[in-house]
N, C-alpha and C. Protein backbone atom coordinates (compact mmCIF):
# COMPACT_ATOMS: atom_id res chain seq x y z
N MET A 1 85.02 111.96 109.38
CA MET A 1 84.52 113.24 109.80
C MET A 1 83.37 113.73 108.92
N THR A 2 83.36 113.27 107.69
CA THR A 2 82.29 113.68 106.79
C THR A 2 80.93 113.23 107.33
N LEU A 3 80.89 112.03 107.89
CA LEU A 3 79.63 111.54 108.46
C LEU A 3 79.21 112.37 109.67
N VAL A 4 80.18 112.81 110.46
CA VAL A 4 79.88 113.68 111.60
C VAL A 4 79.31 115.01 111.09
N LEU A 5 79.89 115.53 110.02
CA LEU A 5 79.37 116.77 109.43
C LEU A 5 77.93 116.59 108.94
N VAL A 6 77.66 115.48 108.26
CA VAL A 6 76.30 115.23 107.79
C VAL A 6 75.34 115.12 108.97
N LEU A 7 75.76 114.45 110.02
CA LEU A 7 74.94 114.34 111.23
C LEU A 7 74.66 115.72 111.83
N LEU A 8 75.68 116.55 111.89
CA LEU A 8 75.50 117.91 112.40
C LEU A 8 74.56 118.73 111.52
N LEU A 9 74.68 118.56 110.21
CA LEU A 9 73.78 119.28 109.30
C LEU A 9 72.32 118.88 109.53
N VAL A 10 72.11 117.61 109.89
CA VAL A 10 70.75 117.14 110.15
C VAL A 10 70.28 117.61 111.53
N LEU A 11 71.15 117.47 112.53
CA LEU A 11 70.76 117.82 113.90
C LEU A 11 70.59 119.31 114.13
N GLU A 12 71.50 120.09 113.56
CA GLU A 12 71.52 121.54 113.86
C GLU A 12 71.84 122.34 112.61
N PRO A 13 70.93 122.35 111.63
CA PRO A 13 71.22 123.08 110.38
C PRO A 13 71.41 124.58 110.61
N ARG A 14 70.82 125.13 111.66
CA ARG A 14 70.98 126.57 111.92
C ARG A 14 72.42 126.93 112.28
N ALA A 15 73.18 125.96 112.73
CA ALA A 15 74.58 126.22 113.08
C ALA A 15 75.40 126.59 111.86
N PHE A 16 74.89 126.28 110.68
CA PHE A 16 75.63 126.52 109.45
C PHE A 16 75.01 127.66 108.64
N ALA A 17 74.32 128.56 109.33
CA ALA A 17 73.65 129.68 108.66
C ALA A 17 74.52 130.92 108.56
N THR A 18 75.83 130.74 108.69
CA THR A 18 76.75 131.88 108.57
C THR A 18 77.32 131.92 107.16
N ASP A 19 77.86 133.07 106.78
CA ASP A 19 78.49 133.20 105.46
C ASP A 19 79.68 132.26 105.31
N LEU A 20 80.47 132.13 106.38
CA LEU A 20 81.64 131.24 106.33
C LEU A 20 81.21 129.80 106.10
N ALA A 21 80.23 129.34 106.86
CA ALA A 21 79.76 127.96 106.71
C ALA A 21 79.19 127.74 105.31
N ALA A 22 78.44 128.69 104.81
CA ALA A 22 77.86 128.56 103.47
C ALA A 22 78.96 128.49 102.41
N ALA A 23 79.99 129.30 102.56
CA ALA A 23 81.10 129.29 101.60
C ALA A 23 81.86 127.96 101.66
N LEU A 24 82.10 127.46 102.87
CA LEU A 24 82.81 126.18 103.01
C LEU A 24 81.99 125.04 102.42
N LEU A 25 80.70 125.01 102.72
CA LEU A 25 79.84 123.97 102.17
C LEU A 25 79.77 124.05 100.64
N ALA A 26 79.67 125.26 100.10
CA ALA A 26 79.64 125.44 98.66
C ALA A 26 80.94 124.95 98.02
N GLY A 27 82.06 125.22 98.67
CA GLY A 27 83.35 124.75 98.15
C GLY A 27 83.45 123.23 98.14
N ILE A 28 82.94 122.60 99.19
CA ILE A 28 82.96 121.14 99.27
C ILE A 28 82.07 120.54 98.17
N VAL A 29 80.88 121.06 98.03
CA VAL A 29 79.95 120.56 97.02
C VAL A 29 80.51 120.78 95.62
N ALA A 30 81.08 121.96 95.36
CA ALA A 30 81.65 122.25 94.04
C ALA A 30 82.81 121.30 93.73
N THR A 31 83.67 121.06 94.71
CA THR A 31 84.79 120.14 94.50
C THR A 31 84.29 118.73 94.23
N LEU A 32 83.29 118.31 94.98
CA LEU A 32 82.72 116.98 94.78
C LEU A 32 82.10 116.85 93.38
N LEU A 33 81.36 117.85 92.95
CA LEU A 33 80.74 117.80 91.63
C LEU A 33 81.77 117.84 90.50
N LEU A 34 82.79 118.69 90.65
CA LEU A 34 83.84 118.76 89.62
C LEU A 34 84.61 117.45 89.53
N THR A 35 84.91 116.86 90.67
CA THR A 35 85.63 115.59 90.69
C THR A 35 84.79 114.49 90.09
N ALA A 36 83.50 114.44 90.44
CA ALA A 36 82.61 113.41 89.91
C ALA A 36 82.45 113.53 88.39
N ALA A 37 82.57 114.73 87.85
CA ALA A 37 82.42 114.93 86.41
C ALA A 37 83.68 114.58 85.63
N TRP A 38 84.80 114.43 86.32
CA TRP A 38 86.07 114.15 85.65
C TRP A 38 86.15 112.66 85.31
N PRO A 39 86.59 112.30 84.10
CA PRO A 39 86.65 110.88 83.73
C PRO A 39 87.54 110.04 84.65
N ASN A 40 88.58 110.60 85.21
CA ASN A 40 89.49 109.87 86.10
C ASN A 40 89.18 110.24 87.56
N TRP A 41 87.90 110.18 87.95
CA TRP A 41 87.44 110.66 89.26
C TRP A 41 88.10 109.97 90.43
N TRP A 42 88.61 108.76 90.28
CA TRP A 42 89.22 108.03 91.40
C TRP A 42 90.64 108.48 91.67
N GLY A 43 91.23 109.24 90.77
CA GLY A 43 92.54 109.83 91.01
C GLY A 43 93.72 108.97 90.63
N GLY A 44 93.49 107.90 89.90
CA GLY A 44 94.60 107.05 89.48
C GLY A 44 95.15 106.24 90.63
N TYR A 45 96.42 105.96 90.58
CA TYR A 45 97.06 105.15 91.61
C TYR A 45 97.22 105.98 92.87
N CYS A 46 96.45 105.68 93.86
CA CYS A 46 96.52 106.40 95.13
C CYS A 46 95.86 105.57 96.21
N TYR A 47 95.84 106.09 97.40
CA TYR A 47 95.19 105.44 98.53
C TYR A 47 94.16 106.42 99.08
N GLY A 48 92.91 106.08 98.90
CA GLY A 48 91.86 106.98 99.36
C GLY A 48 91.44 107.96 98.28
N PRO A 49 90.50 108.82 98.62
CA PRO A 49 89.97 109.77 97.63
C PRO A 49 90.91 110.97 97.44
N ARG A 50 92.00 110.72 96.74
CA ARG A 50 93.06 111.72 96.59
C ARG A 50 92.56 113.06 96.07
N LEU A 51 91.62 113.03 95.15
CA LEU A 51 91.15 114.27 94.54
C LEU A 51 90.21 115.05 95.45
N LEU A 52 89.84 114.48 96.59
CA LEU A 52 88.97 115.17 97.53
C LEU A 52 89.70 115.58 98.81
N THR A 53 91.01 115.39 98.86
CA THR A 53 91.73 115.69 100.09
C THR A 53 91.67 117.17 100.46
N GLU A 54 91.56 118.04 99.47
CA GLU A 54 91.52 119.47 99.80
C GLU A 54 90.22 119.88 100.48
N THR A 55 89.24 119.00 100.52
CA THR A 55 87.99 119.31 101.23
C THR A 55 88.11 119.04 102.72
N GLN A 56 89.09 118.27 103.13
CA GLN A 56 89.19 117.87 104.54
C GLN A 56 89.33 119.04 105.52
N PRO A 57 90.16 120.04 105.25
CA PRO A 57 90.21 121.18 106.19
C PRO A 57 88.86 121.87 106.34
N SER A 58 88.14 122.01 105.24
CA SER A 58 86.82 122.64 105.31
C SER A 58 85.85 121.79 106.12
N ILE A 59 85.90 120.48 105.93
CA ILE A 59 85.04 119.58 106.69
C ILE A 59 85.34 119.68 108.17
N LEU A 60 86.62 119.66 108.53
CA LEU A 60 86.99 119.75 109.95
C LEU A 60 86.57 121.08 110.56
N LEU A 61 86.74 122.15 109.81
CA LEU A 61 86.32 123.46 110.31
C LEU A 61 84.80 123.50 110.51
N LEU A 62 84.06 122.94 109.57
CA LEU A 62 82.60 122.91 109.70
C LEU A 62 82.16 122.04 110.87
N VAL A 63 82.85 120.93 111.11
CA VAL A 63 82.53 120.10 112.27
C VAL A 63 82.76 120.89 113.55
N ALA A 64 83.88 121.60 113.62
CA ALA A 64 84.15 122.42 114.81
C ALA A 64 83.10 123.50 114.99
N LEU A 65 82.74 124.18 113.90
CA LEU A 65 81.70 125.21 113.98
C LEU A 65 80.36 124.61 114.40
N GLY A 66 80.02 123.46 113.85
CA GLY A 66 78.75 122.81 114.17
C GLY A 66 78.68 122.35 115.61
N ILE A 67 79.75 121.74 116.10
CA ILE A 67 79.76 121.28 117.49
C ILE A 67 79.71 122.48 118.43
N GLY A 68 80.46 123.52 118.10
CA GLY A 68 80.47 124.72 118.94
C GLY A 68 79.12 125.43 118.99
N ALA A 69 78.31 125.27 117.96
CA ALA A 69 77.02 125.95 117.90
C ALA A 69 75.88 125.13 118.51
N LEU A 70 76.16 123.90 118.90
CA LEU A 70 75.10 123.08 119.49
C LEU A 70 74.63 123.69 120.80
N PRO A 71 73.32 123.86 120.97
CA PRO A 71 72.82 124.48 122.19
C PRO A 71 72.91 123.56 123.41
N SER A 72 72.87 122.26 123.20
CA SER A 72 72.88 121.31 124.30
C SER A 72 74.30 120.90 124.66
N HIS A 73 74.65 121.10 125.93
CA HIS A 73 75.98 120.72 126.40
C HIS A 73 76.19 119.21 126.26
N GLU A 74 75.13 118.43 126.49
CA GLU A 74 75.22 116.97 126.39
C GLU A 74 75.50 116.53 124.96
N ARG A 75 74.79 117.15 124.01
CA ARG A 75 75.04 116.82 122.60
C ARG A 75 76.45 117.20 122.18
N ARG A 76 76.91 118.35 122.65
CA ARG A 76 78.26 118.80 122.33
C ARG A 76 79.28 117.78 122.83
N ARG A 77 79.12 117.35 124.08
CA ARG A 77 80.05 116.35 124.64
C ARG A 77 79.98 115.04 123.89
N ALA A 78 78.76 114.61 123.53
CA ALA A 78 78.60 113.35 122.80
C ALA A 78 79.29 113.40 121.45
N LEU A 79 79.10 114.49 120.71
CA LEU A 79 79.73 114.58 119.39
C LEU A 79 81.24 114.77 119.48
N LEU A 80 81.70 115.45 120.50
CA LEU A 80 83.15 115.53 120.71
C LEU A 80 83.71 114.15 121.02
N GLY A 81 82.96 113.37 121.77
CA GLY A 81 83.37 111.99 122.04
C GLY A 81 83.47 111.16 120.76
N VAL A 82 82.51 111.37 119.86
CA VAL A 82 82.53 110.67 118.57
C VAL A 82 83.77 111.08 117.77
N VAL A 83 84.06 112.38 117.75
CA VAL A 83 85.24 112.86 117.02
C VAL A 83 86.51 112.24 117.60
N TRP A 84 86.64 112.25 118.91
CA TRP A 84 87.83 111.68 119.53
C TRP A 84 87.91 110.16 119.35
N ALA A 85 86.77 109.50 119.27
CA ALA A 85 86.76 108.05 119.03
C ALA A 85 87.16 107.73 117.59
N LEU A 86 86.78 108.60 116.65
CA LEU A 86 87.11 108.37 115.25
C LEU A 86 88.58 108.69 114.92
N LEU A 87 89.20 109.53 115.70
CA LEU A 87 90.58 109.94 115.41
C LEU A 87 91.54 108.75 115.33
N PRO A 88 91.58 107.84 116.31
CA PRO A 88 92.49 106.69 116.17
C PRO A 88 92.16 105.81 114.96
N LEU A 89 90.87 105.69 114.65
CA LEU A 89 90.48 104.91 113.48
C LEU A 89 91.03 105.54 112.20
N GLN A 90 90.93 106.86 112.10
CA GLN A 90 91.45 107.55 110.92
C GLN A 90 92.96 107.40 110.81
N ILE A 91 93.66 107.47 111.93
CA ILE A 91 95.11 107.29 111.92
C ILE A 91 95.46 105.86 111.51
N ALA A 92 94.71 104.89 112.03
CA ALA A 92 94.97 103.48 111.69
C ALA A 92 94.74 103.22 110.20
N ILE A 93 93.69 103.80 109.64
CA ILE A 93 93.42 103.60 108.22
C ILE A 93 94.55 104.18 107.38
N GLN A 94 95.07 105.34 107.74
CA GLN A 94 96.19 105.91 107.00
C GLN A 94 97.45 105.07 107.17
N ALA A 95 97.67 104.52 108.36
CA ALA A 95 98.84 103.66 108.59
C ALA A 95 98.78 102.41 107.73
N ILE A 96 97.57 101.85 107.54
CA ILE A 96 97.41 100.67 106.70
C ILE A 96 97.89 100.96 105.28
N GLY A 97 97.60 102.15 104.77
CA GLY A 97 98.01 102.50 103.42
C GLY A 97 99.46 102.94 103.31
N THR A 98 100.06 103.31 104.44
CA THR A 98 101.40 103.87 104.42
C THR A 98 102.49 102.84 104.67
N TYR A 99 102.23 101.91 105.58
CA TYR A 99 103.27 100.98 106.01
C TYR A 99 103.04 99.58 105.46
N GLY A 100 104.14 98.91 105.16
CA GLY A 100 104.09 97.53 104.68
C GLY A 100 105.39 96.85 105.04
N PRO A 101 105.58 95.63 104.56
CA PRO A 101 106.83 94.92 104.84
C PRO A 101 108.03 95.71 104.32
N ARG A 102 109.13 95.60 105.02
CA ARG A 102 110.35 96.32 104.64
C ARG A 102 110.73 96.02 103.20
N GLY A 103 110.94 97.08 102.45
CA GLY A 103 111.36 96.94 101.06
C GLY A 103 110.24 96.65 100.08
N ARG A 104 109.01 96.60 100.55
CA ARG A 104 107.87 96.32 99.67
C ARG A 104 106.83 97.41 99.80
N VAL A 105 106.09 97.60 98.74
CA VAL A 105 104.98 98.55 98.75
C VAL A 105 103.90 97.98 99.66
N PRO A 106 103.27 98.81 100.50
CA PRO A 106 102.17 98.31 101.33
C PRO A 106 101.08 97.67 100.48
N ALA A 107 100.45 96.63 101.02
CA ALA A 107 99.41 95.89 100.29
C ALA A 107 98.30 96.83 99.83
N ALA A 108 97.95 97.81 100.68
CA ALA A 108 96.87 98.73 100.32
C ALA A 108 97.23 99.57 99.10
N LEU A 109 98.49 99.88 98.92
CA LEU A 109 98.91 100.63 97.74
C LEU A 109 99.10 99.70 96.54
N ALA A 110 99.57 98.48 96.80
CA ALA A 110 99.75 97.51 95.72
C ALA A 110 98.40 97.14 95.10
N TRP A 111 97.31 97.35 95.85
CA TRP A 111 95.96 97.09 95.36
C TRP A 111 95.70 97.78 94.03
N ASN A 112 96.30 98.95 93.82
CA ASN A 112 96.06 99.73 92.60
C ASN A 112 96.39 98.96 91.33
N ALA A 113 97.36 98.05 91.39
CA ALA A 113 97.82 97.35 90.18
C ALA A 113 97.39 95.90 90.11
N SER A 114 96.92 95.33 91.20
CA SER A 114 96.66 93.90 91.23
C SER A 114 95.24 93.61 91.71
N PRO A 115 94.51 92.77 91.06
CA PRO A 115 94.87 91.86 89.97
C PRO A 115 94.92 92.52 88.59
N VAL A 116 94.27 93.68 88.45
CA VAL A 116 94.34 94.45 87.21
C VAL A 116 94.38 95.93 87.61
N SER A 117 95.02 96.74 86.82
CA SER A 117 95.16 98.16 87.14
C SER A 117 93.79 98.81 87.36
N VAL A 118 93.71 99.60 88.41
CA VAL A 118 92.47 100.34 88.70
C VAL A 118 92.16 101.33 87.58
N ASP A 119 93.18 101.76 86.85
CA ASP A 119 92.95 102.66 85.72
C ASP A 119 92.30 101.94 84.54
N VAL A 120 92.51 100.64 84.43
CA VAL A 120 91.89 99.84 83.37
C VAL A 120 90.51 99.37 83.81
N ALA A 121 90.36 99.08 85.09
CA ALA A 121 89.10 98.57 85.63
C ALA A 121 88.65 99.43 86.83
N PRO A 122 88.17 100.65 86.57
CA PRO A 122 87.80 101.53 87.68
C PRO A 122 86.64 101.01 88.52
N GLN A 123 85.89 100.03 88.04
CA GLN A 123 84.83 99.45 88.84
C GLN A 123 85.37 98.78 90.10
N ARG A 124 86.66 98.49 90.12
CA ARG A 124 87.28 97.92 91.33
C ARG A 124 87.14 98.86 92.52
N ASN A 125 86.98 100.16 92.28
CA ASN A 125 86.82 101.12 93.37
C ASN A 125 85.58 100.83 94.22
N TRP A 126 84.62 100.11 93.68
CA TRP A 126 83.37 99.82 94.39
C TRP A 126 83.35 98.44 95.03
N ASP A 127 84.44 97.70 94.93
CA ASP A 127 84.51 96.35 95.50
C ASP A 127 84.88 96.43 96.98
N VAL A 128 83.87 96.42 97.84
CA VAL A 128 84.10 96.58 99.28
C VAL A 128 84.91 95.42 99.85
N ALA A 129 84.68 94.21 99.35
CA ALA A 129 85.41 93.05 99.87
C ALA A 129 86.90 93.10 99.54
N ASP A 130 87.26 93.77 98.46
CA ASP A 130 88.67 93.90 98.08
C ASP A 130 89.02 95.38 97.92
N SER A 131 88.71 96.16 98.93
CA SER A 131 89.08 97.58 98.92
C SER A 131 90.54 97.72 99.33
N PRO A 132 91.16 98.87 99.10
CA PRO A 132 92.54 99.05 99.55
C PRO A 132 92.70 98.84 101.06
N ILE A 133 91.71 99.25 101.84
CA ILE A 133 91.80 99.07 103.29
C ILE A 133 91.71 97.59 103.63
N ALA A 134 90.76 96.88 103.04
CA ALA A 134 90.63 95.43 103.30
C ALA A 134 91.89 94.69 102.87
N ARG A 135 92.44 95.07 101.72
CA ARG A 135 93.68 94.42 101.26
C ARG A 135 94.81 94.70 102.23
N GLY A 136 94.89 95.93 102.71
CA GLY A 136 95.93 96.26 103.68
C GLY A 136 95.80 95.48 104.97
N LEU A 137 94.58 95.28 105.42
CA LEU A 137 94.36 94.50 106.64
C LEU A 137 94.70 93.03 106.46
N ARG A 138 94.39 92.49 105.27
CA ARG A 138 94.69 91.10 104.99
C ARG A 138 96.17 90.88 104.70
N GLY A 139 96.86 91.91 104.28
CA GLY A 139 98.25 91.76 103.88
C GLY A 139 98.32 91.30 102.44
N TYR A 140 99.40 90.68 102.09
CA TYR A 140 99.59 90.25 100.70
C TYR A 140 98.90 88.92 100.48
N ASP A 141 98.02 88.90 99.49
CA ASP A 141 97.29 87.66 99.16
C ASP A 141 98.12 86.80 98.23
C-alpha cells in the first residue's frame, strides 16, 4: 500500500492538502526517520518491518483519502482495482511468515537465526535472494 500512496502523491498531490493528510504524512515521515536513526532499526527477530507497523493505519487512511479525492472516475476505479489486487498478495505474504510445518517455526521466521543471527549480521536484511519471504516460499533449506 505504501507504493500506492507514493503513486497517489505523485498523481494527485492536491488530494493531500488537508490538515489531516499533512498530519498523517508528518507522522509517517517522523516514524521513519526515528526508526532509521535507531541502531536496531530492523527490529530484531521479527517478520517484516516491525518497527514501522504503526504507520500502516495512516498509510491506509491516506490511500483512501487520495483515491476518494481523485477527480477522474476512471483513475479512481483503476487504483481501487490495484488496491483489491494487492490485498490477496499482502495476505499471502503474512501467511508465509505465520505458518510452517506442524511443530516447527515457519521458515520465514527461522530466517532470523540462520545461517547467522540477523542481530549479529544486520546486512542480511538487504539480501533479496535470501529474504524472509523468499525463505518462506522455498521452505526449509
